[in-house]
């Protein structure tokens, strides 16, 4: 006899969270994603470096490049290493990503 899933309509919180994150990740279309990445690297390289130094614990980093973004995280390339930095909260919309990135700069500068 093997394990049998209990018959229930209850959805465990972790499953709900995963589904919520997946739904939100799907809302960030590729064109918007590329626009965010390009804008951050071209106009806010200093912010990317702050993210690397503060949130990825790379205080000695001299440069950082954003290579990916989702509704819940960014991926930075720091000195040839790809590092994931989770957002403090999941973005509610593609536009909310900007607010979160600004919030993260403020957090990094304050501490």
Protein backbone atom coordinates (compact mmCIF):
# COMPACT_ATOMS: atom_id res chain seq x y z
CA UNK A 1 0.00 0.00 0.00
CA UNK A 2 1.26 3.46 -0.89
CA UNK A 3 0.39 6.92 0.32
CA UNK A 4 -3.07 8.09 -0.67
CA UNK A 5 -3.93 11.78 -0.71
CA UNK A 6 -6.79 12.53 1.66
CA UNK A 7 -10.00 13.49 -0.08
CA UNK A 8 -10.59 17.10 0.82
CA UNK A 9 -11.44 20.42 -0.74
CA UNK A 10 -9.08 22.23 1.60
CA UNK A 11 -6.18 23.93 -0.16
CA UNK A 12 -3.08 24.23 1.95
CA UNK A 13 -1.70 27.78 2.37
CA UNK A 14 1.59 26.94 0.66
CA UNK A 15 -0.28 25.72 -2.42
CA UNK A 16 -2.40 28.89 -2.43
CA UNK A 17 0.72 31.05 -2.19
CA UNK A 18 2.44 29.18 -5.01
CA UNK A 19 -0.62 29.57 -7.22
CA UNK A 20 -0.87 33.29 -6.35
CA UNK A 21 2.81 33.84 -7.20
CA UNK A 22 2.46 31.88 -10.44
CA UNK A 23 -0.60 33.92 -11.46
CA UNK A 24 1.26 37.16 -10.76
CA UNK A 25 4.40 36.05 -12.61
CA UNK A 26 2.26 35.40 -15.69
CA UNK A 27 0.98 38.99 -15.67
CA UNK A 28 4.43 40.43 -16.45
CA UNK A 29 4.56 40.26 -20.23
CA UNK A 30 7.95 39.86 -21.98
CA UNK A 31 7.88 43.36 -23.51
CA UNK A 32 7.27 44.99 -20.12
CA UNK A 33 9.93 42.79 -18.52
CA UNK A 34 12.55 43.82 -21.08
CA UNK A 35 11.59 47.48 -20.68
CA UNK A 36 12.09 47.30 -16.90
CA UNK A 37 15.43 45.51 -17.23
CA UNK A 38 16.72 47.94 -19.87
CA UNK A 39 15.58 50.98 -17.90
CA UNK A 40 17.18 49.76 -14.68
CA UNK A 41 20.50 48.94 -16.35
CA UNK A 42 20.65 52.12 -18.44
CA UNK A 43 19.26 54.67 -15.98
CA UNK A 44 19.61 53.11 -12.55
CA UNK A 45 22.83 51.08 -12.51
CA UNK A 46 23.54 52.64 -9.11
CA UNK A 47 20.33 51.11 -7.74
CA UNK A 48 21.27 47.68 -9.10
CA UNK A 49 24.59 47.99 -7.31
CA UNK A 50 22.80 48.97 -4.09
CA UNK A 51 20.60 45.86 -4.39
CA UNK A 52 23.67 43.68 -4.82
CA UNK A 53 25.55 45.21 -1.92
CA UNK A 54 22.66 45.32 0.54
CA UNK A 55 20.30 42.46 -0.33
CA UNK A 56 22.74 39.96 -1.88
CA UNK A 57 25.51 40.65 0.67
CA UNK A 58 28.06 41.64 -1.99
CA UNK A 59 29.46 44.76 -0.29
CA UNK A 60 32.64 44.73 -2.37
CA UNK A 61 30.81 44.59 -5.72
CA UNK A 62 31.85 47.23 -8.23
CA UNK A 63 28.98 46.66 -10.69
CA UNK A 64 25.70 44.81 -10.97
CA UNK A 65 23.41 44.22 -13.90
CA UNK A 66 19.74 43.26 -13.72
CA UNK A 67 19.17 40.25 -15.95
CA UNK A 68 15.63 39.24 -14.98
CA UNK A 69 12.59 40.48 -13.09
CA UNK A 70 9.34 38.89 -11.98
CA UNK A 71 6.51 39.93 -9.71
CA UNK A 72 8.42 38.61 -6.69
CA UNK A 73 12.15 39.04 -7.38
CA UNK A 74 15.00 40.30 -9.49
CA UNK A 75 18.05 38.46 -10.70
CA UNK A 76 21.32 40.38 -10.76
CA UNK A 77 24.58 39.45 -12.44
CA UNK A 78 27.36 40.49 -10.08
CA UNK A 79 30.93 39.80 -11.14
CA UNK A 80 29.83 36.89 -13.29
CA UNK A 81 27.56 35.37 -10.64
CA UNK A 82 23.77 35.36 -10.98
CA UNK A 83 22.07 36.26 -7.69
CA UNK A 84 18.37 36.22 -6.85
CA UNK A 85 17.02 39.03 -4.70
CA UNK A 86 13.48 38.55 -3.40
CA UNK A 87 11.17 41.52 -3.14
CA UNK A 88 9.95 42.41 0.36
CA UNK A 89 6.44 41.72 -0.97
CA UNK A 90 4.89 40.36 -4.14
CA UNK A 91 4.03 43.05 -6.68
CA UNK A 92 0.32 43.54 -7.23
CA UNK A 93 0.84 44.71 -10.82
CA UNK A 94 3.62 45.37 -13.28
CA UNK A 95 3.48 49.04 -12.27
CA UNK A 96 3.89 48.08 -8.62
CA UNK A 97 7.35 46.72 -9.41
CA UNK A 98 8.60 50.31 -9.68
CA UNK A 99 7.30 51.11 -6.19
CA UNK A 100 8.97 48.03 -4.78
CA UNK A 101 12.31 48.81 -6.44
CA UNK A 102 12.20 52.38 -5.09
CA UNK A 103 11.30 51.01 -1.64
CA UNK A 104 14.28 48.66 -1.84
CA UNK A 105 16.65 51.53 -2.69
CA UNK A 106 15.40 53.40 0.38
CA UNK A 107 15.88 50.30 2.55
CA UNK A 108 19.40 49.77 1.21
CA UNK A 109 20.38 53.41 1.80
CA UNK A 110 19.00 53.39 5.35
CA UNK A 111 20.67 50.33 6.54
